Amino acid sequence: MTPADTFPVTGLLRTGLPRRALVVGDPFRAEFIAHQLTNSRQVAHRREYRSFVGEWNGTPVIVASHGVGAPGAICLFQELMDAGADTVIRLGTAGAMLRGIGDGELIIAESCVRDDGVTHQLVPESYPAAATPEVVVALAVAAGEREVPHHRGVVWTRAAFYPGIVDLKQAGYVKLGVLAIEMELSALLVLASTRGVRAGGALVIDGASADDLVDGAVYDPHRDVVADGIARGVLVTLDALTALPDLD
């Protein structure tokens, strides 16, 4: 194998990969998911980008990690699509913005607010970040079949995790009914729509948004309720990813 056979950032092979991809932030989560696939094996590992191939319900899939933040994550998305991926679903975690959304519950994103820090350099500000309708429906059906509590709607993809001194208008987004906040999904949705790729996202609530981390409040995403939600989210996203019809 020569450098010409692989992509420069992720180390993924340029050809021969499954066309359905599940992407996650954490490299160890990618490994956790890979253990649930049949015939799984690691195919690349550079920096935060760790990738496995295997089968779910008899369908070949690739599971890959993209790290934290959209500017880095979009490198994985780009190279997966350049390798032939035609369907990409992100499984991540998010902070709830509305009351009544519990820890461990699943958010199925229909669209995103684009504060990701990268897509404004790729497309006009007016360009939407919208999930593919068929992917949204597949995720909702899979969640329903597995009796997983879930919500559908708009999420906020924001580049900043911890707040600074700039007012990022969270209160306004709450009033508008934005369900949750995360850091990468809008970059996936924008890139996918410009490439003719199906894409969507499911997010497990792991606590309140980072703007509420004041006066000693503790953010702890490493709780059983979150781990259980992620385990359910893995099943839902793999079911949805492999239930969608082929594009050919």
Protein backbone atom coordinates (compact mmCIF):
# COMPACT_ATOMS: atom_id res chain seq x y z
CA MET A 1 0.00 0.00 0.00
CA THR A 2 1.33 3.44 -0.94
CA PRO A 3 0.29 6.93 0.24
CA ALA A 4 -1.61 7.28 -3.02
CA ASP A 5 -3.91 4.44 -1.93
CA THR A 6 -5.14 6.24 1.20
CA PHE A 7 -6.56 9.61 2.15
CA PRO A 8 -4.14 12.01 3.82
CA VAL A 9 -6.10 12.90 6.97
CA THR A 10 -7.94 9.73 8.01
CA GLY A 11 -5.79 7.05 6.39
CA LEU A 12 -8.89 5.48 4.86
CA LEU A 13 -8.53 3.52 1.65
CA ARG A 14 -9.71 5.43 -1.39
CA THR A 15 -11.67 2.43 -2.73
CA GLY A 16 -13.40 -0.68 -1.50
CA LEU A 17 -15.13 0.70 1.62
CA PRO A 18 -18.83 0.18 2.50
CA ARG A 19 -21.15 2.87 1.20
CA ARG A 20 -23.05 3.21 4.50
CA ALA A 21 -21.25 5.00 7.32
CA LEU A 22 -21.98 5.59 11.01
CA VAL A 23 -19.84 8.39 12.42
CA VAL A 24 -19.22 9.21 16.08
CA GLY A 25 -17.01 11.63 17.94
CA ASP A 26 -15.19 9.28 20.31
CA PRO A 27 -12.67 6.74 18.91
CA PHE A 28 -13.51 4.40 21.80
CA ARG A 29 -17.21 4.62 20.91
CA ALA A 30 -16.32 3.57 17.39
CA GLU A 31 -14.54 0.55 18.84
CA PHE A 32 -17.53 -0.22 21.09
CA ILE A 33 -19.83 -0.20 18.07
CA ALA A 34 -17.42 -2.31 16.04
CA HIS A 35 -17.60 -5.05 18.67
CA GLN A 36 -21.32 -5.31 17.95
CA LEU A 37 -20.84 -5.84 14.24
CA THR A 38 -20.12 -9.17 12.62
CA ASN A 39 -16.83 -9.72 10.80
CA SER A 40 -15.52 -6.40 12.11
CA ARG A 41 -11.96 -5.18 11.73
CA GLN A 42 -10.08 -1.91 12.09
CA VAL A 43 -9.08 -0.40 8.76
CA ALA A 44 -7.50 2.93 9.75
CA HIS A 45 -6.39 4.94 12.77
CA ARG A 46 -4.83 8.38 12.54
CA ARG A 47 -5.20 11.03 15.25
CA GLU A 48 -8.84 11.06 16.35
CA TYR A 49 -9.95 9.28 13.17
CA ARG A 50 -10.43 5.58 13.93
CA SER A 51 -12.35 3.44 11.45
CA PHE A 52 -13.78 -0.09 11.40
CA VAL A 53 -15.71 -2.10 8.85
CA GLY A 54 -18.17 -4.90 9.54
CA GLU A 55 -21.75 -5.99 8.94
CA TRP A 56 -25.09 -5.23 10.59
CA ASN A 57 -28.09 -7.29 9.56
CA GLY A 58 -25.96 -8.64 6.74
CA THR A 59 -25.22 -5.18 5.33
CA PRO A 60 -21.63 -3.88 5.13
CA VAL A 61 -21.05 -0.67 7.11
CA ILE A 62 -18.13 1.48 8.17
CA VAL A 63 -17.97 3.01 11.64
CA ALA A 64 -15.57 5.92 12.07
CA SER A 65 -14.72 8.56 14.67
CA HIS A 66 -14.24 12.24 13.91
CA GLY A 67 -13.24 13.85 17.21
CA VAL A 68 -14.66 17.07 18.68
CA GLY A 69 -15.65 20.04 16.55
CA ALA A 70 -16.88 20.51 13.00
CA PRO A 71 -13.68 21.75 11.30
CA GLY A 72 -11.93 18.48 12.12
CA ALA A 73 -14.99 16.29 11.69
CA ILE A 74 -15.66 17.51 8.18
CA CYS A 75 -12.30 16.07 7.12
CA LEU A 76 -13.64 12.60 7.91
CA PHE A 77 -16.97 13.34 6.22
CA GLN A 78 -15.18 14.57 3.09
CA GLU A 79 -12.89 11.56 2.82
CA LEU A 80 -15.69 9.08 3.47
CA MET A 81 -17.71 10.64 0.66
CA ASP A 82 -14.69 10.75 -1.62
CA ALA A 83 -14.31 7.01 -0.92
CA GLY A 84 -17.88 6.41 -2.10
CA ALA A 85 -20.07 6.68 1.01
CA ASP A 86 -23.61 7.54 -0.06
CA THR A 87 -25.33 7.40 3.34
CA VAL A 88 -23.87 8.86 6.55
CA ILE A 89 -25.52 9.02 9.98
CA ARG A 90 -23.95 10.72 12.96
CA LEU A 91 -24.53 9.32 16.45
CA GLY A 92 -23.44 11.80 19.09
CA THR A 93 -24.25 13.34 22.43
CA ALA A 94 -25.87 16.69 23.07
CA GLY A 95 -27.02 19.03 25.77
CA ALA A 96 -30.77 19.48 26.17
CA MET A 97 -32.08 23.01 25.70
CA LEU A 98 -35.74 22.48 26.48
CA ARG A 99 -37.34 21.26 29.66
CA GLY A 100 -38.96 17.87 29.41
CA ILE A 101 -36.09 16.30 27.48
CA GLY A 102 -34.45 13.79 29.79
CA ASP A 103 -30.90 12.50 30.06
CA GLY A 104 -30.37 9.45 27.89
CA GLU A 105 -33.22 10.32 25.52
CA LEU A 106 -32.66 10.49 21.79
CA ILE A 107 -32.92 13.55 19.55
CA ILE A 108 -33.49 12.90 15.84
CA ALA A 109 -32.35 16.01 14.01
CA GLU A 110 -34.46 17.35 11.18
CA SER A 111 -32.18 20.34 10.64
CA CYS A 112 -29.47 22.37 12.37
CA VAL A 113 -28.65 25.94 13.23
CA ARG A 114 -25.31 26.53 11.48
CA ASP A 115 -22.86 27.87 14.06
CA ASP A 116 -20.34 25.11 13.35
CA GLY A 117 -17.34 27.31 12.57
CA VAL A 118 -16.60 25.84 9.15
CA THR A 119 -19.54 25.71 6.72
CA HIS A 120 -19.71 29.50 6.45
CA GLN A 121 -16.42 29.15 4.55
CA LEU A 122 -17.92 26.56 2.18
CA VAL A 123 -21.43 27.73 1.27
CA PRO A 124 -23.48 30.94 1.62
CA GLU A 125 -24.88 31.75 5.06
CA SER A 126 -28.42 31.27 3.69
CA TYR A 127 -27.75 27.64 2.67
CA PRO A 128 -29.68 25.26 4.96
CA ALA A 129 -28.38 22.38 7.05
CA ALA A 130 -31.18 19.87 6.57
CA ALA A 131 -31.22 16.14 7.15
CA THR A 132 -32.37 13.85 4.34
CA PRO A 133 -36.08 13.17 4.99
CA GLU A 134 -35.71 9.43 4.34
CA VAL A 135 -32.99 9.23 6.99
CA VAL A 136 -35.11 11.11 9.53
CA VAL A 137 -38.00 8.72 8.93
CA ALA A 138 -35.73 5.64 9.12
CA LEU A 139 -34.33 6.83 12.45
CA ALA A 140 -37.81 7.53 13.84
CA VAL A 141 -39.08 4.14 12.73
CA ALA A 142 -36.08 2.37 14.24
CA ALA A 143 -36.49 4.26 17.51
CA GLY A 144 -40.17 3.39 17.62
CA GLU A 145 -39.56 -0.28 16.93
CA ARG A 146 -37.05 -0.43 19.77
CA GLU A 147 -39.31 1.68 22.04
CA VAL A 148 -36.60 4.28 22.53
CA PRO A 149 -37.83 7.66 23.85
CA HIS A 150 -37.06 10.26 21.20
CA HIS A 151 -37.79 13.76 19.96
CA ARG A 152 -37.62 15.25 16.45
CA GLY A 153 -36.74 18.80 15.52
CA VAL A 154 -34.04 21.42 15.16
CA VAL A 155 -30.68 21.23 16.94
CA TRP A 156 -27.96 23.86 17.33
CA THR A 157 -24.49 23.02 16.06
CA ARG A 158 -22.08 25.42 17.77
CA ALA A 159 -18.30 25.67 17.58
CA ALA A 160 -17.84 26.89 21.17
CA PHE A 161 -18.37 24.36 23.95
CA TYR A 162 -17.75 26.48 27.05
CA PRO A 163 -19.17 30.01 26.89
CA GLY A 164 -17.01 33.12 26.83
CA ILE A 165 -17.99 36.77 27.10
CA VAL A 166 -19.82 36.92 23.76
CA ASP A 167 -23.59 36.51 23.95
CA LEU A 168 -24.33 33.54 21.68
CA LYS A 169 -28.11 34.03 21.97
CA GLN A 170 -28.97 30.72 23.60
CA ALA A 171 -32.10 32.17 25.22
CA GLY A 172 -33.42 33.10 21.79
CA TYR A 173 -32.90 29.61 20.43
CA VAL A 174 -34.69 28.19 23.45
CA LYS A 175 -37.66 30.44 22.71
CA LEU A 176 -37.61 29.19 19.12
CA GLY A 177 -37.88 25.59 20.32
CA VAL A 178 -34.41 24.36 19.41
CA LEU A 179 -34.13 21.00 21.16
CA ALA A 180 -30.44 20.51 21.88
CA ILE A 181 -26.90 21.71 21.25
CA GLU A 182 -23.97 19.77 19.76
CA MET A 183 -20.85 20.52 17.72
CA GLU A 184 -20.60 18.67 14.39
CA LEU A 185 -23.87 17.70 12.73
CA SER A 186 -24.56 20.78 10.60
CA ALA A 187 -21.20 20.31 8.86
CA LEU A 188 -22.21 16.78 7.89
CA LEU A 189 -25.63 17.85 6.64
CA VAL A 190 -24.31 20.74 4.57
CA LEU A 191 -21.51 18.74 2.97
CA ALA A 192 -23.78 15.77 2.30
CA SER A 193 -26.45 17.85 0.59
CA THR A 194 -23.86 19.45 -1.69
CA ARG A 195 -22.55 15.99 -2.61
CA GLY A 196 -25.88 14.21 -3.16
CA VAL A 197 -25.30 12.02 -0.10
CA ARG A 198 -28.04 10.94 2.33
CA ALA A 199 -27.32 12.10 5.87
CA GLY A 200 -28.88 12.54 9.28
CA GLY A 201 -28.14 12.49 12.95
CA ALA A 202 -29.28 11.04 16.26
CA LEU A 203 -28.07 12.59 19.50
CA VAL A 204 -28.19 11.20 23.03
CA ILE A 205 -28.83 13.78 25.75
CA ASP A 206 -25.99 13.81 28.28
CA GLY A 207 -27.00 16.84 30.38
CA ALA A 208 -27.77 20.53 30.15
CA SER A 209 -26.05 22.80 27.63
CA ALA A 210 -22.61 24.15 28.50
CA ASP A 211 -23.95 27.68 29.05
CA ASP A 212 -25.50 26.40 32.26
CA LEU A 213 -22.14 25.25 33.69
CA VAL A 214 -21.81 28.10 36.19
CA ASP A 215 -21.54 28.52 39.95
CA GLY A 216 -20.06 25.07 40.48
CA ALA A 217 -22.62 23.16 38.42
CA VAL A 218 -21.23 19.78 37.41
CA TYR A 219 -21.42 18.41 33.88
CA ASP A 220 -20.95 14.64 33.97
CA PRO A 221 -21.58 12.80 30.69
CA HIS A 222 -20.11 9.58 32.12
CA ARG A 223 -23.22 8.36 33.93
CA ASP A 224 -25.12 5.12 33.52
CA VAL A 225 -28.20 6.89 32.18
CA VAL A 226 -26.10 8.35 29.36
CA ALA A 227 -24.26 5.09 28.65
CA ASP A 228 -27.58 3.27 28.44
CA GLY A 229 -28.89 5.94 26.07
CA ILE A 230 -25.84 5.61 23.86
CA ALA A 231 -26.24 1.83 23.76
CA ARG A 232 -29.83 2.28 22.60
CA GLY A 233 -28.73 4.93 20.11
CA VAL A 234 -26.22 2.55 18.58
CA LEU A 235 -28.94 0.01 17.86
CA VAL A 236 -31.29 2.65 16.45
CA THR A 237 -28.72 4.20 14.14
CA LEU A 238 -27.40 0.88 12.87
CA ASP A 239 -30.96 -0.32 12.23
CA ALA A 240 -31.80 2.88 10.33
CA LEU A 241 -28.54 2.89 8.37
CA THR A 242 -29.08 -0.64 7.09
CA ALA A 243 -32.85 -0.38 6.56
CA LEU A 244 -32.58 2.35 3.95
CA PRO A 245 -32.83 1.12 0.35
CA ASP A 246 -29.80 1.14 -1.90
CA LEU A 247 -29.39 4.24 -4.01
CA ASP A 248 -28.42 2.34 -7.16
